Amino acid sequence: MFKLLRNLRNKVQNKVERIQRNTKIIQNVNLLMGDELVKSNRILKNVFAFIVKNDHEALEALTEQLRVPELKVTHILAEDLNGCMGSNFGSSGKLDWSAPEDMKHFVEKTTGKICIVGGITFRSFGTYILKNRTVIVVTKDSVTSGRVKALPNHYCVSTVEEALEVASFLIGTSKTLPREIMVIGGASIYRQTLHLVTDVWLSKINVAVKGNIFRDWTYSKAVNVNEITFEGKVK
């Protein structure tokens, strides 16, 4: 989908440039409209006026499209002092700490946006539902898929690539969704979107736990990483 969006953007750019190359033609039409012969001929006058009006409107509309910013892909994650992100013993994950302020931060940054999450992390929510967000769950587990499909504003896909396609489509056809995709876990989903990430909200929880999932990647200097420390308690 990102490739398709880039191709579409290039086509729009080419169309704008083509219209801009025709500026001289439009100027000539404007000159012709001032000719006494054209002025006296109602049909010619209307035809030339139509050409000028529509070319200018097309140029303005296409230029406006080019001003629309690209999609942002943001990682939001939390880890302890040693880079541990939690535990994954079995088919579901869990956080090994409690940090209310970090949870408030998570809600603030994700509300109203599209969130992509893996099946294991989704199952770690238990009965908790991410309200006021559009959630795309990446899973091939049939039980998880059934639960996801029963929830409002939730979508189920099999791969990260499909999740990005659905997210791009939803944002492109919505007048209210921000042009930002929030990746909220787990580790595998973060790794698979490293080549797209533009911004990161990294919470450092001031505890040391005994989980088994660690952040084993770093972000490039081109990525805007926002690191915040929160107090927490080991569960």
Protein backbone atom coordinates (compact mmCIF):
# COMPACT_ATOMS: atom_id res chain seq x y z
CA MET A 1 0.00 0.00 0.00
CA PHE A 2 2.84 2.40 0.81
CA LYS A 3 4.31 1.69 -2.64
CA LEU A 4 0.91 2.32 -4.23
CA LEU A 5 0.57 5.60 -2.34
CA ARG A 6 4.01 6.71 -3.53
CA ASN A 7 3.10 5.81 -7.13
CA LEU A 8 -0.18 7.71 -6.84
CA ARG A 9 1.64 10.71 -5.43
CA ASN A 10 4.10 10.61 -8.35
CA LYS A 11 1.22 10.48 -10.84
CA VAL A 12 -0.40 13.49 -9.18
CA GLN A 13 2.92 15.35 -9.29
CA ASN A 14 3.32 14.55 -12.99
CA LYS A 15 -0.20 15.78 -13.68
CA VAL A 16 0.46 19.05 -11.87
CA GLU A 17 3.67 19.57 -13.81
CA ARG A 18 1.82 18.89 -17.05
CA ILE A 19 -0.79 21.51 -16.21
CA GLN A 20 1.94 23.94 -15.21
CA ARG A 21 3.65 23.39 -18.57
CA ASN A 22 0.37 24.41 -20.17
CA THR A 23 0.37 27.74 -18.37
CA LYS A 24 1.48 29.52 -21.54
CA ILE A 25 -1.43 27.95 -23.40
CA ILE A 26 -3.82 29.18 -20.72
CA GLN A 27 -2.25 32.64 -20.95
CA ASN A 28 -2.74 32.59 -24.71
CA VAL A 29 -6.37 31.57 -24.23
CA ASN A 30 -6.78 34.50 -21.84
CA LEU A 31 -5.36 36.80 -24.51
CA LEU A 32 -7.71 35.35 -27.10
CA MET A 33 -10.63 35.99 -24.77
CA GLY A 34 -9.79 39.67 -24.97
CA ASP A 35 -9.97 39.63 -28.75
CA GLU A 36 -12.95 41.54 -30.13
CA LEU A 37 -13.89 38.61 -32.41
CA VAL A 38 -14.04 36.22 -29.44
CA LYS A 39 -15.90 38.76 -27.32
CA SER A 40 -18.53 39.05 -29.98
CA ASN A 41 -18.92 35.28 -30.30
CA ARG A 42 -20.78 33.96 -27.26
CA ILE A 43 -19.97 30.29 -27.95
CA LEU A 44 -16.20 30.87 -28.31
CA LYS A 45 -16.19 33.07 -25.24
CA ASN A 46 -17.91 30.39 -23.15
CA VAL A 47 -15.60 27.62 -24.44
CA PHE A 48 -12.42 29.56 -23.60
CA ALA A 49 -13.81 30.54 -20.19
CA PHE A 50 -14.56 26.87 -19.46
CA ILE A 51 -11.01 25.80 -20.43
CA VAL A 52 -9.36 28.41 -18.23
CA LYS A 53 -11.67 27.84 -15.26
CA ASN A 54 -11.30 24.06 -15.24
CA ASP A 55 -7.54 24.01 -15.77
CA HIS A 56 -7.02 26.41 -12.88
CA GLU A 57 -9.39 24.43 -10.64
CA ALA A 58 -7.63 21.17 -11.52
CA LEU A 59 -4.24 22.71 -10.75
CA GLU A 60 -5.44 24.04 -7.38
CA ALA A 61 -7.02 20.72 -6.41
CA LEU A 62 -3.97 18.67 -7.34
CA THR A 63 -1.58 21.06 -5.64
CA GLU A 64 -3.69 20.78 -2.49
CA GLN A 65 -3.33 16.99 -2.64
CA LEU A 66 0.44 17.35 -2.76
CA ARG A 67 0.34 19.36 0.47
CA VAL A 68 -1.14 16.38 2.38
CA PRO A 69 1.64 15.01 4.64
CA GLU A 70 2.92 11.47 4.33
CA LEU A 71 1.73 8.83 6.78
CA LYS A 72 3.64 8.66 10.05
CA VAL A 73 4.44 5.31 11.62
CA THR A 74 5.01 5.61 15.36
CA HIS A 75 6.25 2.98 17.81
CA ILE A 76 4.99 3.31 21.38
CA LEU A 77 6.55 0.88 23.86
CA ALA A 78 7.74 0.49 27.42
CA GLU A 79 10.70 -1.32 28.97
CA ASP A 80 12.35 -1.71 32.34
CA LEU A 81 15.82 -0.45 33.28
CA ASN A 82 17.41 -3.42 31.47
CA GLY A 83 15.40 -3.16 28.26
CA CYS A 84 12.92 -5.89 29.21
CA MET A 85 9.52 -5.35 27.59
CA GLY A 86 7.62 -8.07 29.46
CA SER A 87 7.08 -11.82 29.52
CA ASN A 88 5.90 -14.33 26.97
CA PHE A 89 5.49 -17.74 28.54
CA GLY A 90 3.02 -19.58 26.35
CA SER A 91 0.54 -18.04 23.92
CA SER A 92 0.01 -14.68 25.61
CA GLY A 93 2.26 -11.93 26.92
CA LYS A 94 2.09 -9.79 30.00
CA LEU A 95 3.69 -6.78 31.60
CA ASP A 96 5.68 -7.53 34.73
CA TRP A 97 5.08 -4.12 36.27
CA SER A 98 2.37 -1.66 37.12
CA ALA A 99 2.90 1.97 36.00
CA PRO A 100 -0.34 4.03 36.03
CA GLU A 101 1.27 7.21 34.66
CA ASP A 102 2.73 5.30 31.72
CA MET A 103 -0.72 3.82 31.02
CA LYS A 104 -2.20 7.34 30.99
CA HIS A 105 0.55 8.36 28.57
CA PHE A 106 -0.27 5.37 26.33
CA VAL A 107 -3.97 6.23 26.26
CA GLU A 108 -3.23 9.89 25.49
CA LYS A 109 -0.94 9.09 22.58
CA THR A 110 -3.11 6.39 20.97
CA THR A 111 -6.70 7.60 21.43
CA GLY A 112 -8.45 8.39 18.16
CA LYS A 113 -5.75 6.73 16.07
CA ILE A 114 -5.13 3.44 14.26
CA CYS A 115 -3.20 0.92 16.36
CA ILE A 116 -1.47 -2.18 14.98
CA VAL A 117 -0.91 -4.98 17.48
CA GLY A 118 0.20 -8.60 17.38
CA GLY A 119 -1.96 -11.47 18.56
CA ILE A 120 0.10 -12.29 21.65
CA THR A 121 0.02 -8.69 22.88
CA PHE A 122 -3.69 -8.46 22.09
CA ARG A 123 -4.38 -11.56 24.18
CA SER A 124 -2.41 -10.01 27.05
CA PHE A 125 -5.14 -7.35 27.29
CA GLY A 126 -7.53 -10.02 28.57
CA THR A 127 -11.00 -8.51 28.80
CA TYR A 128 -9.65 -4.95 28.47
CA ILE A 129 -10.77 -3.32 25.20
CA LEU A 130 -8.93 -0.44 23.53
CA LYS A 131 -11.81 2.00 23.21
CA ASN A 132 -11.83 5.10 20.99
CA ARG A 133 -9.19 3.59 18.73
CA THR A 134 -9.18 1.61 15.50
CA VAL A 135 -7.34 -1.62 16.24
CA ILE A 136 -5.78 -3.91 13.63
CA VAL A 137 -4.71 -7.26 15.09
CA VAL A 138 -2.10 -9.38 13.32
CA THR A 139 -2.81 -13.04 14.08
CA LYS A 140 -3.38 -16.41 12.46
CA ASP A 141 -4.99 -17.87 15.57
CA SER A 142 -8.63 -18.71 14.83
CA VAL A 143 -9.85 -18.15 18.40
CA THR A 144 -8.21 -14.72 18.55
CA SER A 145 -9.58 -13.88 15.09
CA GLY A 146 -13.10 -14.73 16.22
CA ARG A 147 -12.83 -12.47 19.24
CA VAL A 148 -11.35 -9.60 17.21
CA LYS A 149 -14.11 -9.76 14.59
CA ALA A 150 -16.75 -9.48 17.30
CA LEU A 151 -15.35 -6.18 18.60
CA PRO A 152 -16.29 -2.77 17.14
CA ASN A 153 -13.56 -0.89 15.28
CA HIS A 154 -11.33 -3.98 15.30
CA TYR A 155 -9.89 -5.66 12.21
CA CYS A 156 -8.09 -8.98 11.90
CA VAL A 157 -5.28 -9.66 9.39
CA SER A 158 -2.65 -12.35 8.91
CA THR A 159 0.47 -10.26 8.24
CA VAL A 160 2.01 -6.90 9.11
CA GLU A 161 1.93 -5.99 5.42
CA GLU A 162 -1.85 -6.52 5.37
CA ALA A 163 -2.18 -4.45 8.55
CA LEU A 164 -0.37 -1.54 6.90
CA GLU A 165 -2.56 -1.84 3.81
CA VAL A 166 -5.76 -1.77 5.89
CA ALA A 167 -4.44 1.15 7.96
CA SER A 168 -3.49 3.12 4.84
CA PHE A 169 -6.90 2.46 3.27
CA LEU A 170 -8.82 3.49 6.40
CA ILE A 171 -6.82 6.70 6.78
CA GLY A 172 -7.06 7.50 3.08
CA THR A 173 -10.85 7.17 3.09
CA SER A 174 -11.50 8.89 6.42
CA LYS A 175 -11.94 12.59 7.16
CA THR A 176 -11.29 12.17 10.88
CA LEU A 177 -8.47 9.65 11.35
CA PRO A 178 -5.02 11.23 11.91
CA ARG A 179 -2.37 10.34 9.32
CA GLU A 180 -0.44 8.40 11.95
CA ILE A 181 -0.24 4.65 12.48
CA MET A 182 0.59 3.59 16.05
CA VAL A 183 2.46 0.30 16.44
CA ILE A 184 1.81 -0.89 20.00
CA GLY A 185 3.51 -4.33 20.14
CA GLY A 186 4.76 -6.88 20.46
CA ALA A 187 8.45 -7.22 19.67
CA SER A 188 7.92 -8.99 16.35
CA ILE A 189 5.60 -6.25 15.07
CA TYR A 190 8.10 -3.57 16.09
CA ARG A 191 10.90 -5.38 14.24
CA GLN A 192 8.80 -5.80 11.08
CA THR A 193 8.04 -2.07 10.94
CA LEU A 194 11.52 -0.72 11.75
CA HIS A 195 12.06 0.28 8.11
CA LEU A 196 8.94 2.50 8.23
CA VAL A 197 9.04 4.02 11.71
CA THR A 198 9.38 7.81 11.89
CA ASP A 199 8.71 8.50 15.58
CA VAL A 200 9.08 6.59 18.83
CA TRP A 201 7.58 7.05 22.29
CA LEU A 202 9.81 4.98 24.57
CA SER A 203 8.78 4.69 28.21
CA LYS A 204 11.53 3.69 30.65
CA ILE A 205 9.90 2.15 33.70
CA ASN A 206 12.04 2.60 36.82
CA VAL A 207 12.00 -1.08 37.82
CA ALA A 208 13.96 -4.26 37.09
CA VAL A 209 11.87 -7.34 36.27
CA LYS A 210 12.52 -10.94 35.25
CA GLY A 211 10.76 -11.07 31.89
CA ASN A 212 12.02 -12.79 28.77
CA ILE A 213 11.20 -10.29 26.01
CA PHE A 214 13.87 -7.66 25.37
CA ARG A 215 14.25 -4.83 22.87
CA ASP A 216 17.09 -6.19 20.76
CA TRP A 217 17.03 -3.41 18.16
CA THR A 218 18.09 0.22 18.03
CA TYR A 219 16.56 3.11 16.13
CA SER A 220 18.41 5.01 13.45
CA LYS A 221 19.41 8.65 13.95
CA ALA A 222 16.74 9.64 11.43
CA VAL A 223 13.99 8.45 13.80
CA ASN A 224 12.61 10.92 16.34
CA VAL A 225 12.90 9.04 19.66
CA ASN A 226 11.11 10.52 22.68
CA GLU A 227 12.24 8.81 25.90
CA ILE A 228 10.27 9.34 29.12
CA THR A 229 10.86 7.83 32.57
CA PHE A 230 7.94 6.63 34.69
CA GLU A 231 7.84 5.16 38.16
CA GLY A 232 6.49 1.64 38.47
CA LYS A 233 6.08 -1.35 40.77
CA VAL A 234 6.99 -4.97 40.07
CA LYS A 235 3.92 -7.20 40.00
